[in-house]
């Protein structure tokens, strides 16, 4: 093995996104300007059609209100505890960004669970796949660690596992306990929208996005309710209601036609393309 291959890479290096490059990513909120002008009914119709086949069944999505995010990183810590991750492995990243007028805000970035996910197309062994309900998941038994999916992902939402599984996440038990099995060394890992909670919750008759036991850990942990989750195919679900009530919503890198399932409400004072020029 070469020195590069044997040297563990920190989260900061593996998920390396320079400020300039990530502001380009955040600038996708500019590229989404056309989307913000569409009636919400049209957006919801597109969401139903894109992942639900005949339009029936669950279609999970998330809304993050930037105005409510305080940058506490509780979402990150809860995710790490539930997935038993070391501090240098983060499925959910929170960064401090700046609007074109110089105002700071926090941008939380989980996996976008794209309807047209580049990572799914890039995987040579079908270890990355999209479920009928829209969740993009990993089969860690099939993953060969080639990292093609990491290259393909425009959101830097994946991390490579360089190390053997740890015994206990530093964020546990403060932010939760391990709920999923450890992954082996040498695979690519990512956010799953806590699909294990969703699946188990549905079997028990719980409602994801409403009942905490069936809702992603990052959503439950948020102290300001900046994150909203639910079934976009259900008109009365928390996310459907929130999207319908929102004046403006944006999605990252909309110009790439990845059709992400994570929506954002931009800073209130900068709904007119807040990231223009970055």
Protein backbone atom coordinates (compact mmCIF):
# COMPACT_ATOMS: atom_id res chain seq x y z
CA UNK A 1 0.00 0.00 0.00
CA UNK A 2 1.13 3.55 -0.63
CA UNK A 3 1.56 6.08 2.15
CA UNK A 4 -1.55 7.87 0.97
CA UNK A 5 -3.62 4.71 1.21
CA UNK A 6 -2.49 3.78 4.70
CA UNK A 7 -2.70 7.17 6.30
CA UNK A 8 -6.10 7.73 7.93
CA UNK A 9 -7.75 10.83 6.62
CA UNK A 10 -9.57 13.15 9.00
CA UNK A 11 -13.16 14.22 8.43
CA UNK A 12 -11.87 17.64 7.47
CA UNK A 13 -9.63 16.12 4.81
CA UNK A 14 -12.01 13.39 3.58
CA UNK A 15 -14.98 15.70 3.29
CA UNK A 16 -12.71 18.47 2.13
CA UNK A 17 -14.70 21.44 0.95
CA UNK A 18 -12.89 24.74 0.86
CA UNK A 19 -14.81 27.83 1.82
CA UNK A 20 -14.81 28.98 -1.79
CA UNK A 21 -15.99 25.62 -3.10
CA UNK A 22 -18.66 25.20 -0.50
CA UNK A 23 -19.98 28.67 -1.12
CA UNK A 24 -20.34 27.51 -4.68
CA UNK A 25 -22.31 24.64 -3.24
CA UNK A 26 -24.34 26.99 -1.16
CA UNK A 27 -24.60 29.07 -4.28
CA UNK A 28 -26.83 26.29 -5.50
CA UNK A 29 -29.39 28.15 -3.54
CA UNK A 30 -28.94 30.70 -6.30
CA UNK A 31 -29.21 28.02 -8.94
CA UNK A 32 -32.48 27.05 -7.30
CA UNK A 33 -33.94 30.50 -7.87
CA UNK A 34 -36.17 29.23 -10.64
CA UNK A 35 -37.52 26.59 -8.31
CA UNK A 36 -38.48 29.18 -5.72
CA UNK A 37 -40.80 30.80 -8.19
CA UNK A 38 -42.77 27.60 -8.78
CA UNK A 39 -46.06 27.11 -6.95
CA UNK A 40 -45.58 24.67 -4.07
CA UNK A 41 -48.30 22.42 -5.48
CA UNK A 42 -46.15 21.95 -8.59
CA UNK A 43 -43.09 21.14 -6.49
CA UNK A 44 -44.99 18.59 -4.46
CA UNK A 45 -46.43 17.05 -7.62
CA UNK A 46 -42.89 16.65 -8.99
CA UNK A 47 -41.78 15.01 -5.76
CA UNK A 48 -44.63 12.52 -5.92
CA UNK A 49 -43.99 11.67 -9.55
CA UNK A 50 -40.22 11.35 -9.28
CA UNK A 51 -39.91 8.61 -6.71
CA UNK A 52 -43.30 7.06 -6.11
CA UNK A 53 -43.98 5.20 -9.31
CA UNK A 54 -47.75 5.46 -9.44
CA UNK A 55 -47.67 8.27 -6.87
CA UNK A 56 -48.61 6.04 -3.95
CA UNK A 57 -46.51 4.95 -1.02
CA UNK A 58 -44.25 6.90 1.30
CA UNK A 59 -41.86 9.52 -0.06
CA UNK A 60 -39.64 10.88 2.70
CA UNK A 61 -38.19 14.39 2.75
CA UNK A 62 -36.67 16.97 5.07
CA UNK A 63 -36.97 20.73 5.43
CA UNK A 64 -34.30 22.80 7.21
CA UNK A 65 -35.13 26.36 8.25
CA UNK A 66 -31.87 28.30 8.17
CA UNK A 67 -33.48 31.06 10.22
CA UNK A 68 -33.97 28.69 13.15
CA UNK A 69 -30.59 26.95 13.02
CA UNK A 70 -28.30 28.17 15.82
CA UNK A 71 -25.25 26.11 14.86
CA UNK A 72 -25.30 24.01 18.04
CA UNK A 73 -24.46 20.85 16.03
CA UNK A 74 -26.83 18.75 18.11
CA UNK A 75 -27.96 17.20 14.82
CA UNK A 76 -24.40 16.10 14.12
CA UNK A 77 -23.84 14.79 17.65
CA UNK A 78 -27.09 12.82 17.71
CA UNK A 79 -26.28 11.32 14.31
CA UNK A 80 -22.83 10.29 15.51
CA UNK A 81 -24.23 8.69 18.67
CA UNK A 82 -26.94 6.72 16.87
CA UNK A 83 -24.56 5.52 14.15
CA UNK A 84 -21.65 5.01 16.58
CA UNK A 85 -19.32 7.33 14.70
CA UNK A 86 -16.00 8.78 15.80
CA UNK A 87 -15.82 12.57 15.88
CA UNK A 88 -13.88 12.64 12.59
CA UNK A 89 -16.70 10.77 10.82
CA UNK A 90 -19.71 12.98 10.21
CA UNK A 91 -22.76 12.21 8.10
CA UNK A 92 -24.22 15.63 8.91
CA UNK A 93 -22.00 18.70 8.63
CA UNK A 94 -22.83 22.19 9.94
CA UNK A 95 -20.83 25.10 8.55
CA UNK A 96 -20.89 28.86 9.06
CA UNK A 97 -21.57 30.73 5.83
CA UNK A 98 -22.03 34.37 4.85
CA UNK A 99 -24.69 36.07 2.75
CA UNK A 100 -23.71 38.49 0.00
CA UNK A 101 -24.32 41.35 2.46
CA UNK A 102 -21.96 39.86 5.04
CA UNK A 103 -24.46 38.32 7.45
CA UNK A 104 -23.50 34.95 8.89
CA UNK A 105 -25.78 31.93 9.01
CA UNK A 106 -25.45 28.21 9.67
CA UNK A 107 -25.88 25.67 6.90
CA UNK A 108 -26.59 22.09 7.93
CA UNK A 109 -25.91 19.49 5.26
CA UNK A 110 -26.99 15.84 5.52
CA UNK A 111 -27.29 13.47 2.57
CA UNK A 112 -29.77 14.98 0.12
CA UNK A 113 -31.32 11.59 -0.83
CA UNK A 114 -31.58 12.70 -4.44
CA UNK A 115 -34.24 11.28 -6.72
CA UNK A 116 -31.62 11.29 -9.48
CA UNK A 117 -28.67 10.35 -7.31
CA UNK A 118 -25.28 10.46 -9.09
CA UNK A 119 -23.83 8.12 -6.46
CA UNK A 120 -26.27 5.37 -7.44
CA UNK A 121 -25.22 5.63 -11.07
CA UNK A 122 -21.52 5.69 -10.20
CA UNK A 123 -21.43 2.58 -8.01
CA UNK A 124 -20.02 -0.35 -10.04
CA UNK A 125 -21.35 -3.05 -7.70
CA UNK A 126 -24.83 -1.71 -6.84
CA UNK A 127 -23.82 -1.10 -3.23
CA UNK A 128 -25.60 2.25 -3.39
CA UNK A 129 -29.28 2.11 -4.26
CA UNK A 130 -32.47 4.15 -3.97
CA UNK A 131 -35.39 2.62 -2.13
CA UNK A 132 -38.96 3.02 -3.44
CA UNK A 133 -39.59 5.53 -0.64
CA UNK A 134 -36.77 7.79 -1.89
CA UNK A 135 -34.10 6.94 0.69
CA UNK A 136 -30.65 6.39 -0.82
CA UNK A 137 -29.07 3.56 1.14
CA UNK A 138 -25.84 1.58 1.30
CA UNK A 139 -25.28 -2.15 1.22
CA UNK A 140 -22.07 -2.32 3.22
CA UNK A 141 -21.59 -6.00 2.39
CA UNK A 142 -21.38 -5.15 -1.30
CA UNK A 143 -19.27 -1.98 -1.01
CA UNK A 144 -15.72 -2.48 -2.32
CA UNK A 145 -14.41 0.88 -1.14
CA UNK A 146 -13.67 2.26 -4.59
CA UNK A 147 -15.09 5.66 -3.55
CA UNK A 148 -16.57 6.36 -6.98
CA UNK A 149 -19.73 7.44 -5.18
CA UNK A 150 -17.79 10.03 -3.19
CA UNK A 151 -16.44 11.52 -6.40
CA UNK A 152 -19.89 11.54 -7.96
CA UNK A 153 -21.70 13.15 -5.01
CA UNK A 154 -21.92 16.94 -5.52
CA UNK A 155 -22.72 17.49 -1.83
CA UNK A 156 -19.72 15.79 -0.17
CA UNK A 157 -22.27 13.82 1.82
CA UNK A 158 -20.23 10.63 2.09
CA UNK A 159 -17.29 9.61 4.27
CA UNK A 160 -14.80 6.79 3.89
CA UNK A 161 -14.23 4.51 6.85
CA UNK A 162 -10.47 4.28 7.25
CA UNK A 163 -10.52 2.64 10.67
CA UNK A 164 -11.84 -0.36 12.57
CA UNK A 165 -15.16 0.26 14.34
CA UNK A 166 -14.89 2.13 17.61
CA UNK A 167 -16.34 0.77 20.83
CA UNK A 168 -18.46 3.82 21.65
CA UNK A 169 -19.01 7.18 20.01
CA UNK A 170 -17.72 10.13 22.09
CA UNK A 171 -21.23 11.60 21.69
CA UNK A 172 -22.83 8.65 23.47
CA UNK A 173 -24.65 8.51 25.83
CA UNK A 174 -25.12 12.30 25.97
CA UNK A 175 -26.80 12.46 22.57
CA UNK A 176 -28.08 8.91 22.30
CA UNK A 177 -27.07 5.30 22.00
CA UNK A 178 -25.90 3.16 19.10
CA UNK A 179 -28.89 1.90 17.10
CA UNK A 180 -27.31 0.36 14.00
CA UNK A 181 -24.55 -2.24 13.55
CA UNK A 182 -20.97 -1.09 13.06
CA UNK A 183 -19.70 -0.92 9.51
CA UNK A 184 -16.44 -2.62 8.54
CA UNK A 185 -13.29 -0.74 7.73
CA UNK A 186 -12.87 0.16 4.07
CA UNK A 187 -16.42 1.12 3.10
CA UNK A 188 -18.12 4.40 2.27
CA UNK A 189 -20.73 5.54 4.77
CA UNK A 190 -23.57 8.07 4.69
CA UNK A 191 -26.74 9.43 6.24
CA UNK A 192 -29.75 7.13 5.84
CA UNK A 193 -32.50 9.46 7.16
CA UNK A 194 -32.35 6.93 10.06
CA UNK A 195 -34.18 4.41 7.89
CA UNK A 196 -33.97 1.87 10.70
CA UNK A 197 -36.17 4.13 12.82
CA UNK A 198 -38.58 4.77 9.97
CA UNK A 199 -38.99 1.08 9.11
CA UNK A 200 -39.37 -0.08 12.70
CA UNK A 201 -41.71 2.79 13.46
CA UNK A 202 -44.02 2.01 10.57
CA UNK A 203 -44.21 -1.60 11.70
CA UNK A 204 -45.38 -0.37 15.10
CA UNK A 205 -47.92 2.03 13.64
CA UNK A 206 -45.86 5.15 14.40
CA UNK A 207 -45.68 8.20 12.15
CA UNK A 208 -42.20 9.34 11.00
CA UNK A 209 -41.86 13.06 11.50
CA UNK A 210 -44.41 13.00 14.32
CA UNK A 211 -43.39 10.19 16.67
CA UNK A 212 -39.82 10.62 17.87
CA UNK A 213 -39.05 6.91 17.83
CA UNK A 214 -39.74 6.82 14.08
CA UNK A 215 -38.06 10.12 13.17
CA UNK A 216 -34.41 10.78 12.18
CA UNK A 217 -32.22 11.46 15.20
CA UNK A 218 -31.05 14.82 13.85
CA UNK A 219 -34.63 16.06 13.66
CA UNK A 220 -35.46 14.90 17.19
CA UNK A 221 -32.28 16.41 18.64
CA UNK A 222 -32.74 19.91 17.17
CA UNK A 223 -33.56 22.28 20.07
CA UNK A 224 -35.13 24.93 17.83
CA UNK A 225 -37.17 22.65 15.55
CA UNK A 226 -35.19 23.86 12.57
CA UNK A 227 -35.61 20.44 10.95
CA UNK A 228 -38.91 19.04 9.78
CA UNK A 229 -39.36 15.53 8.41
CA UNK A 230 -42.18 13.53 6.93
CA UNK A 231 -43.94 11.91 4.03
CA UNK A 232 -44.24 14.25 1.05
CA UNK A 233 -47.00 12.04 -0.32
CA UNK A 234 -49.14 12.76 2.74
CA UNK A 235 -50.78 16.21 2.62
CA UNK A 236 -51.09 16.45 6.41
CA UNK A 237 -47.54 15.36 7.25
CA UNK A 238 -45.28 17.92 8.98
CA UNK A 239 -43.09 18.46 5.92
CA UNK A 240 -46.02 18.79 3.50
CA UNK A 241 -47.64 21.39 5.73
CA UNK A 242 -44.36 23.28 6.22
CA UNK A 243 -43.55 23.30 2.50
CA UNK A 244 -47.03 24.52 1.66
CA UNK A 245 -46.76 27.36 4.18
CA UNK A 246 -43.21 28.42 3.25
CA UNK A 247 -42.91 31.55 1.13
CA UNK A 248 -39.61 30.44 -0.40
CA UNK A 249 -37.80 27.11 -0.37
CA UNK A 250 -34.52 26.22 -2.04
CA UNK A 251 -32.53 23.08 -2.75
CA UNK A 252 -28.76 22.76 -3.09
CA UNK A 253 -27.30 22.33 -6.56
CA UNK A 254 -30.71 22.37 -8.16
CA UNK A 255 -29.11 23.15 -11.52
CA UNK A 256 -27.63 19.64 -11.58
CA UNK A 257 -31.10 18.05 -11.77
CA UNK A 258 -30.34 15.69 -8.89
CA UNK A 259 -33.77 16.42 -7.38
CA UNK A 260 -32.68 16.41 -3.72
CA UNK A 261 -35.18 15.54 -0.99
CA UNK A 262 -33.78 18.13 1.44
CA UNK A 263 -35.30 21.61 1.19
CA UNK A 264 -34.12 24.83 2.83
CA UNK A 265 -35.86 27.99 3.98
CA UNK A 266 -33.24 30.73 3.34
CA UNK A 267 -32.44 33.66 5.64
CA UNK A 268 -35.56 35.83 5.87
CA UNK A 269 -33.77 39.07 4.99
CA UNK A 270 -32.23 37.52 1.88
CA UNK A 271 -34.90 35.54 0.09
CA UNK A 272 -33.88 37.24 -3.17
CA UNK A 273 -30.91 35.00 -3.99
CA UNK A 274 -28.97 35.50 -0.72
CA UNK A 275 -25.81 33.85 -2.03
CA UNK A 276 -25.50 35.72 -5.29
CA UNK A 277 -21.91 36.61 -6.01
CA UNK A 278 -20.33 34.01 -3.72
